[in-house]
All heavy atoms as atom14 arrays in JSON, in Angstrom:
{
  "sequence": "QAPGYQRELVARITTGGSIYYADSVKDRFTISRDNAKNTVY",
  "atom14_mask": [
    [1, 1, 1, 1, 1, 1, 1, 1, 1, 0, 0, 0, 0, 0],
    [1, 1, 1, 1, 1, 0, 0, 0, 0, 0, 0, 0, 0, 0],
    [1, 1, 1, 1, 1, 1, 1, 0, 0, 0, 0, 0, 0, 0],
    [1, 1, 1, 1, 0, 0, 0, 0, 0, 0, 0, 0, 0, 0],
    [1, 1, 1, 1, 1, 1, 1, 1, 1, 1, 1, 1, 0, 0],
    [1, 1, 1, 1, 1, 1, 1, 1, 1, 0, 0, 0, 0, 0],
    [1, 1, 1, 1, 1, 1, 1, 1, 1, 1, 1, 0, 0, 0],
    [1, 1, 1, 1, 1, 1, 1, 1, 1, 0, 0, 0, 0, 0],
    [1, 1, 1, 1, 1, 1, 1, 1, 0, 0, 0, 0, 0, 0],
    [1, 1, 1, 1, 1, 1, 1, 0, 0, 0, 0, 0, 0, 0],
    [1, 1, 1, 1, 1, 0, 0, 0, 0, 0, 0, 0, 0, 0],
    [1, 1, 1, 1, 1, 1, 1, 1, 1, 1, 1, 0, 0, 0],
    [1, 1, 1, 1, 1, 1, 1, 1, 0, 0, 0, 0, 0, 0],
    [1, 1, 1, 1, 1, 1, 1, 0, 0, 0, 0, 0, 0, 0],
    [1, 1, 1, 1, 1, 1, 1, 0, 0, 0, 0, 0, 0, 0],
    [1, 1, 1, 1, 0, 0, 0, 0, 0, 0, 0, 0, 0, 0],
    [1, 1, 1, 1, 0, 0, 0, 0, 0, 0, 0, 0, 0, 0],
    [1, 1, 1, 1, 1, 1, 0, 0, 0, 0, 0, 0, 0, 0],
    [1, 1, 1, 1, 1, 1, 1, 1, 0, 0, 0, 0, 0, 0],
    [1, 1, 1, 1, 1, 1, 1, 1, 1, 1, 1, 1, 0, 0],
    [1, 1, 1, 1, 1, 1, 1, 1, 1, 1, 1, 1, 0, 0],
    [1, 1, 1, 1, 1, 0, 0, 0, 0, 0, 0, 0, 0, 0],
    [1, 1, 1, 1, 1, 1, 1, 1, 0, 0, 0, 0, 0, 0],
    [1, 1, 1, 1, 1, 1, 0, 0, 0, 0, 0, 0, 0, 0],
    [1, 1, 1, 1, 1, 1, 1, 0, 0, 0, 0, 0, 0, 0],
    [1, 1, 1, 1, 1, 1, 1, 1, 1, 0, 0, 0, 0, 0],
    [1, 1, 1, 1, 1, 1, 1, 1, 0, 0, 0, 0, 0, 0],
    [1, 1, 1, 1, 1, 1, 1, 1, 1, 1, 1, 0, 0, 0],
    [1, 1, 1, 1, 1, 1, 1, 1, 1, 1, 1, 0, 0, 0],
    [1, 1, 1, 1, 1, 1, 1, 0, 0, 0, 0, 0, 0, 0],
    [1, 1, 1, 1, 1, 1, 1, 1, 0, 0, 0, 0, 0, 0],
    [1, 1, 1, 1, 1, 1, 0, 0, 0, 0, 0, 0, 0, 0],
    [1, 1, 1, 1, 1, 1, 1, 1, 1, 1, 1, 0, 0, 0],
    [1, 1, 1, 1, 1, 1, 1, 1, 0, 0, 0, 0, 0, 0],
    [1, 1, 1, 1, 1, 1, 1, 1, 0, 0, 0, 0, 0, 0],
    [1, 1, 1, 1, 1, 0, 0, 0, 0, 0, 0, 0, 0, 0],
    [1, 1, 1, 1, 1, 1, 1, 1, 1, 0, 0, 0, 0, 0],
    [1, 1, 1, 1, 1, 1, 1, 1, 0, 0, 0, 0, 0, 0],
    [1, 1, 1, 1, 1, 1, 1, 0, 0, 0, 0, 0, 0, 0],
    [1, 1, 1, 1, 1, 1, 1, 0, 0, 0, 0, 0, 0, 0],
    [1, 1, 1, 1, 1, 1, 1, 1, 1, 1, 1, 1, 0, 0]
  ],
  "atom14_positions": [
    [[-5.56, -8.35, -8.06], [-5.92, -9.46, -7.19], [-4.67, -9.95, -6.48], [-3.71, -10.39, -7.12], [-6.56, -10.6, -7.97], [-7.11, -11.71, -7.09], [-8.0, -12.68, -7.85], [-7.96, -12.76, -9.07], [-8.83, -13.41, -7.12], [0.0, 0.0, 0.0], [0.0, 0.0, 0.0], [0.0, 0.0, 0.0], [0.0, 0.0, 0.0], [0.0, 0.0, 0.0]],
    [[-4.71, -9.84, -5.16], [-3.63, -10.34, -4.33], [-3.98, -11.76, -3.87], [-5.17, -12.11, -3.79], [-3.42, -9.43, -3.14], [0.0, 0.0, 0.0], [0.0, 0.0, 0.0], [0.0, 0.0, 0.0], [0.0, 0.0, 0.0], [0.0, 0.0, 0.0], [0.0, 0.0, 0.0], [0.0, 0.0, 0.0], [0.0, 0.0, 0.0], [0.0, 0.0, 0.0]],
    [[-2.99, -12.58, -3.54], [-3.27, -13.94, -3.08], [-4.22, -13.96, -1.9], [-4.01, -13.23, -0.91], [-1.88, -14.47, -2.7], [-0.94, -13.68, -3.53], [-1.55, -12.31, -3.63], [0.0, 0.0, 0.0], [0.0, 0.0, 0.0], [0.0, 0.0, 0.0], [0.0, 0.0, 0.0], [0.0, 0.0, 0.0], [0.0, 0.0, 0.0], [0.0, 0.0, 0.0]],
    [[-5.28, -14.75, -2.0], [-6.24, -14.88, -0.91], [-7.29, -13.79, -0.86], [-8.13, -13.79, 0.04], [0.0, 0.0, 0.0], [0.0, 0.0, 0.0], [0.0, 0.0, 0.0], [0.0, 0.0, 0.0], [0.0, 0.0, 0.0], [0.0, 0.0, 0.0], [0.0, 0.0, 0.0], [0.0, 0.0, 0.0], [0.0, 0.0, 0.0], [0.0, 0.0, 0.0]],
    [[-7.24, -12.88, -1.82], [-8.19, -11.77, -1.86], [-8.98, -11.79, -3.16], [-8.54, -12.35, -4.17], [-7.47, -10.42, -1.73], [-6.89, -10.17, -0.37], [-5.65, -10.67, -0.01], [-7.59, -9.42, 0.57], [-5.12, -10.45, 1.25], [-7.07, -9.17, 1.84], [-5.83, -9.7, 2.16], [-5.32, -9.47, 3.41], [0.0, 0.0, 0.0], [0.0, 0.0, 0.0]],
    [[-10.14, -11.14, -3.13], [-10.93, -11.02, -4.35], [-10.34, -9.96, -5.27], [-9.61, -9.05, -4.81], [-12.37, -10.63, -3.99], [-13.17, -11.74, -3.33], [-14.65, -11.4, -3.2], [-15.02, -10.23, -3.13], [-15.5, -12.4, -3.18], [0.0, 0.0, 0.0], [0.0, 0.0, 0.0], [0.0, 0.0, 0.0], [0.0, 0.0, 0.0], [0.0, 0.0, 0.0]],
    [[-10.64, -10.09, -6.54], [-10.21, -9.08, -7.49], [-10.93, -7.77, -7.18], [-12.14, -7.76, -6.94], [-10.52, -9.54, -8.92], [-9.85, -8.74, -9.99], [-10.04, -9.38, -11.35], [-9.41, -10.69, -11.45], [-9.3, -11.37, -12.57], [-9.78, -10.87, -13.71], [-8.73, -12.55, -12.58], [0.0, 0.0, 0.0], [0.0, 0.0, 0.0], [0.0, 0.0, 0.0]],
    [[-10.18, -6.67, -7.2], [-10.78, -5.38, -6.86], [-10.47, -4.34, -7.93], [-9.41, -4.38, -8.57], [-10.26, -4.88, -5.51], [-8.78, -4.62, -5.45], [-8.32, -4.02, -4.14], [-9.16, -3.76, -3.25], [-7.1, -3.78, -4.0], [0.0, 0.0, 0.0], [0.0, 0.0, 0.0], [0.0, 0.0, 0.0], [0.0, 0.0, 0.0], [0.0, 0.0, 0.0]],
    [[-11.38, -3.39, -8.07], [-11.19, -2.3, -9.01], [-10.17, -1.31, -8.45], [-10.27, -0.88, -7.31], [-12.52, -1.59, -9.25], [-12.49, -0.33, -10.09], [-12.04, -0.64, -11.51], [-13.86, 0.35, -10.09], [0.0, 0.0, 0.0], [0.0, 0.0, 0.0], [0.0, 0.0, 0.0], [0.0, 0.0, 0.0], [0.0, 0.0, 0.0], [0.0, 0.0, 0.0]],
    [[-9.21, -0.96, -9.28], [-8.2, 0.03, -8.91], [-8.54, 1.39, -9.5], [-8.55, 2.4, -8.8], [-6.81, -0.43, -9.39], [-5.77, 0.64, -9.13], [-6.42, -1.75, -8.73], [0.0, 0.0, 0.0], [0.0, 0.0, 0.0], [0.0, 0.0, 0.0], [0.0, 0.0, 0.0], [0.0, 0.0, 0.0], [0.0, 0.0, 0.0], [0.0, 0.0, 0.0]],
    [[-8.81, 1.41, -10.79], [-9.12, 2.66, -11.48], [-9.85, 2.34, -12.76], [-9.67, 1.26, -13.33], [-7.85, 3.44, -11.78], [0.0, 0.0, 0.0], [0.0, 0.0, 0.0], [0.0, 0.0, 0.0], [0.0, 0.0, 0.0], [0.0, 0.0, 0.0], [0.0, 0.0, 0.0], [0.0, 0.0, 0.0], [0.0, 0.0, 0.0], [0.0, 0.0, 0.0]],
    [[-10.65, 3.29, -13.24], [-11.31, 3.09, -14.52], [-11.43, 4.43, -15.23], [-11.43, 5.49, -14.6], [-12.68, 2.44, -14.37], [-13.7, 3.26, -13.63], [-15.09, 2.63, -13.75], [-16.06, 3.38, -12.96], [-16.69, 2.87, -11.9], [-16.46, 1.62, -11.52], [-17.55, 3.59, -11.25], [0.0, 0.0, 0.0], [0.0, 0.0, 0.0], [0.0, 0.0, 0.0]],
    [[-11.51, 4.35, -16.54], [-11.66, 5.55, -17.36], [-12.68, 5.23, -18.44], [-12.59, 4.2, -19.12], [-10.3, 6.0, -17.95], [-10.44, 7.28, -18.75], [-9.64, 4.89, -18.78], [-9.09, 7.93, -19.09], [0.0, 0.0, 0.0], [0.0, 0.0, 0.0], [0.0, 0.0, 0.0], [0.0, 0.0, 0.0], [0.0, 0.0, 0.0], [0.0, 0.0, 0.0]],
    [[-13.65, 6.11, -18.6], [-14.7, 5.88, -19.57], [-14.29, 6.38, -20.95], [-13.25, 7.02, -21.12], [-16.0, 6.58, -19.15], [-15.81, 8.0, -19.25], [-16.39, 6.22, -17.73], [0.0, 0.0, 0.0], [0.0, 0.0, 0.0], [0.0, 0.0, 0.0], [0.0, 0.0, 0.0], [0.0, 0.0, 0.0], [0.0, 0.0, 0.0], [0.0, 0.0, 0.0]],
    [[-15.15, 6.12, -21.92], [-14.88, 6.62, -23.27], [-14.86, 8.14, -23.3], [-14.16, 8.74, -24.12], [-15.93, 6.1, -24.26], [-17.24, 6.49, -23.79], [-15.9, 4.57, -24.35], [0.0, 0.0, 0.0], [0.0, 0.0, 0.0], [0.0, 0.0, 0.0], [0.0, 0.0, 0.0], [0.0, 0.0, 0.0], [0.0, 0.0, 0.0], [0.0, 0.0, 0.0]],
    [[-15.6, 8.77, -22.4], [-15.65, 10.22, -22.34], [-14.58, 10.84, -21.47], [-14.51, 12.07, -21.35], [0.0, 0.0, 0.0], [0.0, 0.0, 0.0], [0.0, 0.0, 0.0], [0.0, 0.0, 0.0], [0.0, 0.0, 0.0], [0.0, 0.0, 0.0], [0.0, 0.0, 0.0], [0.0, 0.0, 0.0], [0.0, 0.0, 0.0], [0.0, 0.0, 0.0]],
    [[-13.75, 9.98, -20.85], [-12.65, 10.49, -20.04], [-12.95, 10.63, -18.56], [-12.11, 11.13, -17.8], [0.0, 0.0, 0.0], [0.0, 0.0, 0.0], [0.0, 0.0, 0.0], [0.0, 0.0, 0.0], [0.0, 0.0, 0.0], [0.0, 0.0, 0.0], [0.0, 0.0, 0.0], [0.0, 0.0, 0.0], [0.0, 0.0, 0.0], [0.0, 0.0, 0.0]],
    [[-14.12, 10.21, -18.12], [-14.4, 10.24, -16.69], [-13.56, 9.19, -15.98], [-13.42, 8.07, -16.48], [-15.89, 9.98, -16.42], [-16.68, 11.01, -16.98], [0.0, 0.0, 0.0], [0.0, 0.0, 0.0], [0.0, 0.0, 0.0], [0.0, 0.0, 0.0], [0.0, 0.0, 0.0], [0.0, 0.0, 0.0], [0.0, 0.0, 0.0], [0.0, 0.0, 0.0]],
    [[-13.04, 9.55, -14.82], [-12.08, 8.71, -14.11], [-12.54, 8.45, -12.69], [-13.09, 9.34, -12.02], [-10.69, 9.36, -14.12], [-10.11, 9.34, -15.54], [-9.75, 8.66, -13.15], [-8.8, 10.08, -15.69], [0.0, 0.0, 0.0], [0.0, 0.0, 0.0], [0.0, 0.0, 0.0], [0.0, 0.0, 0.0], [0.0, 0.0, 0.0], [0.0, 0.0, 0.0]],
    [[-12.3, 7.22, -12.25], [-12.56, 6.81, -10.87], [-11.34, 6.11, -10.33], [-10.68, 5.35, -11.05], [-13.75, 5.86, -10.82], [-13.87, 5.11, -9.51], [-14.52, 5.68, -8.42], [-13.27, 3.87, -9.35], [-14.59, 5.01, -7.22], [-13.34, 3.19, -8.15], [-14.0, 3.76, -7.09], [-14.07, 3.1, -5.89], [0.0, 0.0, 0.0], [0.0, 0.0, 0.0]],
    [[-11.03, 6.38, -9.05], [-9.95, 5.68, -8.36], [-10.46, 5.09, -7.06], [-11.26, 5.7, -6.35], [-8.79, 6.63, -8.01], [-8.07, 7.2, -9.2], [-8.29, 8.51, -9.6], [-7.16, 6.44, -9.92], [-7.63, 9.05, -10.68], [-6.49, 6.97, -11.01], [-6.74, 8.27, -11.39], [-6.08, 8.8, -12.47], [0.0, 0.0, 0.0], [0.0, 0.0, 0.0]],
    [[-9.96, 3.91, -6.74], [-10.2, 3.37, -5.41], [-9.5, 4.25, -4.38], [-8.45, 4.85, -4.68], [-9.67, 1.94, -5.32], [0.0, 0.0, 0.0], [0.0, 0.0, 0.0], [0.0, 0.0, 0.0], [0.0, 0.0, 0.0], [0.0, 0.0, 0.0], [0.0, 0.0, 0.0], [0.0, 0.0, 0.0], [0.0, 0.0, 0.0], [0.0, 0.0, 0.0]],
    [[-10.07, 4.35, -3.2], [-9.5, 5.21, -2.17], [-8.05, 4.84, -1.86], [-7.22, 5.7, -1.57], [-10.33, 5.13, -0.89], [-11.65, 5.86, -1.01], [-11.8, 6.69, -1.94], [-12.55, 5.6, -0.18], [0.0, 0.0, 0.0], [0.0, 0.0, 0.0], [0.0, 0.0, 0.0], [0.0, 0.0, 0.0], [0.0, 0.0, 0.0], [0.0, 0.0, 0.0]],
    [[-7.75, 3.56, -1.95], [-6.42, 3.08, -1.57], [-5.32, 3.55, -2.51], [-4.13, 3.49, -2.16], [-6.41, 1.55, -1.5], [-6.79, 1.0, -2.75], [0.0, 0.0, 0.0], [0.0, 0.0, 0.0], [0.0, 0.0, 0.0], [0.0, 0.0, 0.0], [0.0, 0.0, 0.0], [0.0, 0.0, 0.0], [0.0, 0.0, 0.0], [0.0, 0.0, 0.0]],
    [[-5.68, 4.02, -3.71], [-4.65, 4.42, -4.68], [-4.76, 5.89, -5.07], [-3.94, 6.38, -5.86], [-4.7, 3.53, -5.94], [-4.6, 2.06, -5.56], [-5.93, 3.8, -6.77], [0.0, 0.0, 0.0], [0.0, 0.0, 0.0], [0.0, 0.0, 0.0], [0.0, 0.0, 0.0], [0.0, 0.0, 0.0], [0.0, 0.0, 0.0], [0.0, 0.0, 0.0]],
    [[-5.76, 6.58, -4.57], [-5.92, 8.0, -4.9], [-4.66, 8.77, -4.56], [-4.03, 8.54, -3.53], [-7.12, 8.58, -4.13], [-8.45, 8.39, -4.81], [-9.57, 9.03, -3.99], [-10.92, 8.76, -4.63], [-12.04, 9.28, -3.8], [0.0, 0.0, 0.0], [0.0, 0.0, 0.0], [0.0, 0.0, 0.0], [0.0, 0.0, 0.0], [0.0, 0.0, 0.0]],
    [[-4.32, 9.7, -5.44], [-3.15, 10.57, -5.29], [-1.83, 9.84, -5.5], [-0.77, 10.45, -5.38], [-3.14, 11.25, -3.92], [-4.37, 12.1, -3.68], [-4.83, 12.74, -4.65], [-4.86, 12.12, -2.54], [0.0, 0.0, 0.0], [0.0, 0.0, 0.0], [0.0, 0.0, 0.0], [0.0, 0.0, 0.0], [0.0, 0.0, 0.0], [0.0, 0.0, 0.0]],
    [[-1.88, 8.54, -5.81], [-0.65, 7.79, -6.1], [-0.67, 7.2, -7.5], [0.38, 7.12, -8.15], [-0.47, 6.65, -5.09], [-0.32, 7.12, -3.66], [0.11, 5.96, -2.74], [-0.88, 4.87, -2.72], [-0.58, 3.61, -3.04], [0.64, 3.28, -3.41], [-1.53, 2.68, -2.98], [0.0, 0.0, 0.0], [0.0, 0.0, 0.0], [0.0, 0.0, 0.0]],
    [[-1.84, 6.79, -7.96], [-1.96, 6.15, -9.27], [-2.68, 7.09, -10.23], [-3.56, 7.86, -9.82], [-2.77, 4.85, -9.18], [-2.08, 3.72, -8.46], [-0.91, 3.9, -7.74], [-2.62, 2.44, -8.53], [-0.28, 2.84, -7.09], [-2.01, 1.37, -7.89], [-0.85, 1.58, -7.16], [0.0, 0.0, 0.0], [0.0, 0.0, 0.0], [0.0, 0.0, 0.0]],
    [[-2.33, 6.98, -11.52], [-2.99, 7.77, -12.55], [-3.32, 6.88, -13.74], [-2.43, 6.22, -14.29], [-2.1, 8.93, -13.02], [-1.75, 9.76, -11.91], [-2.82, 9.77, -14.06], [0.0, 0.0, 0.0], [0.0, 0.0, 0.0], [0.0, 0.0, 0.0], [0.0, 0.0, 0.0], [0.0, 0.0, 0.0], [0.0, 0.0, 0.0], [0.0, 0.0, 0.0]],
    [[-4.59, 6.86, -14.11], [-5.02, 6.11, -15.29], [-5.16, 7.08, -16.45], [-5.59, 8.23, -16.28], [-6.35, 5.36, -15.02], [-6.67, 4.4, -16.18], [-7.49, 6.33, -14.77], [-7.84, 3.46, -15.89], [0.0, 0.0, 0.0], [0.0, 0.0, 0.0], [0.0, 0.0, 0.0], [0.0, 0.0, 0.0], [0.0, 0.0, 0.0], [0.0, 0.0, 0.0]],
    [[-4.78, 6.61, -17.64], [-4.93, 7.43, -18.83], [-5.11, 6.51, -20.03], [-4.85, 5.31, -19.94], [-3.71, 8.34, -19.03], [-2.53, 7.58, -19.2], [0.0, 0.0, 0.0], [0.0, 0.0, 0.0], [0.0, 0.0, 0.0], [0.0, 0.0, 0.0], [0.0, 0.0, 0.0], [0.0, 0.0, 0.0], [0.0, 0.0, 0.0], [0.0, 0.0, 0.0]],
    [[-5.55, 7.08, -21.13], [-5.74, 6.29, -22.33], [-5.28, 7.07, -23.55], [-5.37, 8.31, -23.58], [-7.21, 5.86, -22.49], [-8.19, 6.98, -22.72], [-9.63, 6.48, -22.65], [-9.92, 5.49, -23.68], [-10.92, 4.62, -23.63], [-11.74, 4.62, -22.57], [-11.13, 3.77, -24.62], [0.0, 0.0, 0.0], [0.0, 0.0, 0.0], [0.0, 0.0, 0.0]],
    [[-4.8, 6.35, -24.54], [-4.39, 6.93, -25.81], [-5.14, 6.16, -26.89], [-4.74, 5.06, -27.27], [-2.88, 6.81, -25.99], [-2.37, 7.52, -27.23], [-3.16, 7.72, -28.17], [-1.18, 7.86, -27.28], [0.0, 0.0, 0.0], [0.0, 0.0, 0.0], [0.0, 0.0, 0.0], [0.0, 0.0, 0.0], [0.0, 0.0, 0.0], [0.0, 0.0, 0.0]],
    [[-6.21, 6.74, -27.38], [-7.04, 6.03, -28.36], [-6.3, 5.82, -29.68], [-6.59, 4.86, -30.4], [-8.34, 6.79, -28.59], [-9.28, 6.72, -27.39], [-9.15, 5.84, -26.52], [-10.22, 7.64, -27.33], [0.0, 0.0, 0.0], [0.0, 0.0, 0.0], [0.0, 0.0, 0.0], [0.0, 0.0, 0.0], [0.0, 0.0, 0.0], [0.0, 0.0, 0.0]],
    [[-5.36, 6.69, -30.0], [-4.6, 6.52, -31.24], [-3.69, 5.3, -31.17], [-3.37, 4.7, -32.21], [-3.77, 7.77, -31.52], [0.0, 0.0, 0.0], [0.0, 0.0, 0.0], [0.0, 0.0, 0.0], [0.0, 0.0, 0.0], [0.0, 0.0, 0.0], [0.0, 0.0, 0.0], [0.0, 0.0, 0.0], [0.0, 0.0, 0.0], [0.0, 0.0, 0.0]],
    [[-3.3, 4.93, -29.96], [-2.42, 3.77, -29.76], [-3.17, 2.56, -29.23], [-2.55, 1.53, -28.93], [-1.27, 4.13, -28.83], [-0.34, 5.18, -29.38], [0.83, 5.44, -28.44], [1.79, 6.46, -29.03], [2.92, 6.74, -28.13], [0.0, 0.0, 0.0], [0.0, 0.0, 0.0], [0.0, 0.0, 0.0], [0.0, 0.0, 0.0], [0.0, 0.0, 0.0]],
    [[-4.5, 2.69, -29.07], [-5.3, 1.57, -28.53], [-4.73, 1.08, -27.2], [-4.65, -0.14, -26.96], [-5.35, 0.4, -29.52], [-6.32, 0.63, -30.65], [-6.85, 1.73, -30.82], [-6.54, -0.39, -31.45], [0.0, 0.0, 0.0], [0.0, 0.0, 0.0], [0.0, 0.0, 0.0], [0.0, 0.0, 0.0], [0.0, 0.0, 0.0], [0.0, 0.0, 0.0]],
    [[-4.34, 2.01, -26.34], [-3.64, 1.63, -25.12], [-4.17, 2.41, -23.92], [-4.45, 3.61, -24.04], [-2.13, 1.85, -25.26], [-1.64, 1.09, -26.36], [-1.38, 1.42, -24.0], [0.0, 0.0, 0.0], [0.0, 0.0, 0.0], [0.0, 0.0, 0.0], [0.0, 0.0, 0.0], [0.0, 0.0, 0.0], [0.0, 0.0, 0.0], [0.0, 0.0, 0.0]],
    [[-4.27, 1.73, -22.81], [-4.59, 2.37, -21.54], [-3.4, 2.14, -20.6], [-2.75, 1.1, -20.65], [-5.91, 1.83, -20.93], [-5.8, 0.36, -20.6], [-6.31, 2.63, -19.71], [0.0, 0.0, 0.0], [0.0, 0.0, 0.0], [0.0, 0.0, 0.0], [0.0, 0.0, 0.0], [0.0, 0.0, 0.0], [0.0, 0.0, 0.0], [0.0, 0.0, 0.0]],
    [[-3.12, 3.14, -19.78], [-1.95, 3.12, -18.91], [-2.38, 3.25, -17.45], [-3.43, 3.81, -17.14], [-1.01, 4.27, -19.25], [-0.56, 4.3, -20.67], [-1.19, 5.13, -21.6], [0.5, 3.52, -21.11], [-0.78, 5.17, -22.92], [0.93, 3.55, -22.42], [0.28, 4.38, -23.32], [0.69, 4.42, -24.64], [0.0, 0.0, 0.0], [0.0, 0.0, 0.0]]
  ]
}
C-alpha cells in the first residue's frame, strides 16, 4: 500500500505451491515459502 492508494496484491502462493504475480512485478519479484521455517519470502 502506497500513500493515497488502496492496498494491492503483489504475489501469492498457495499451500500447493501455485503462484500468482501482479503484472507490475512479474519477472522482477519472486515469492517462495519454507514450511519448515514457517516463513514466506
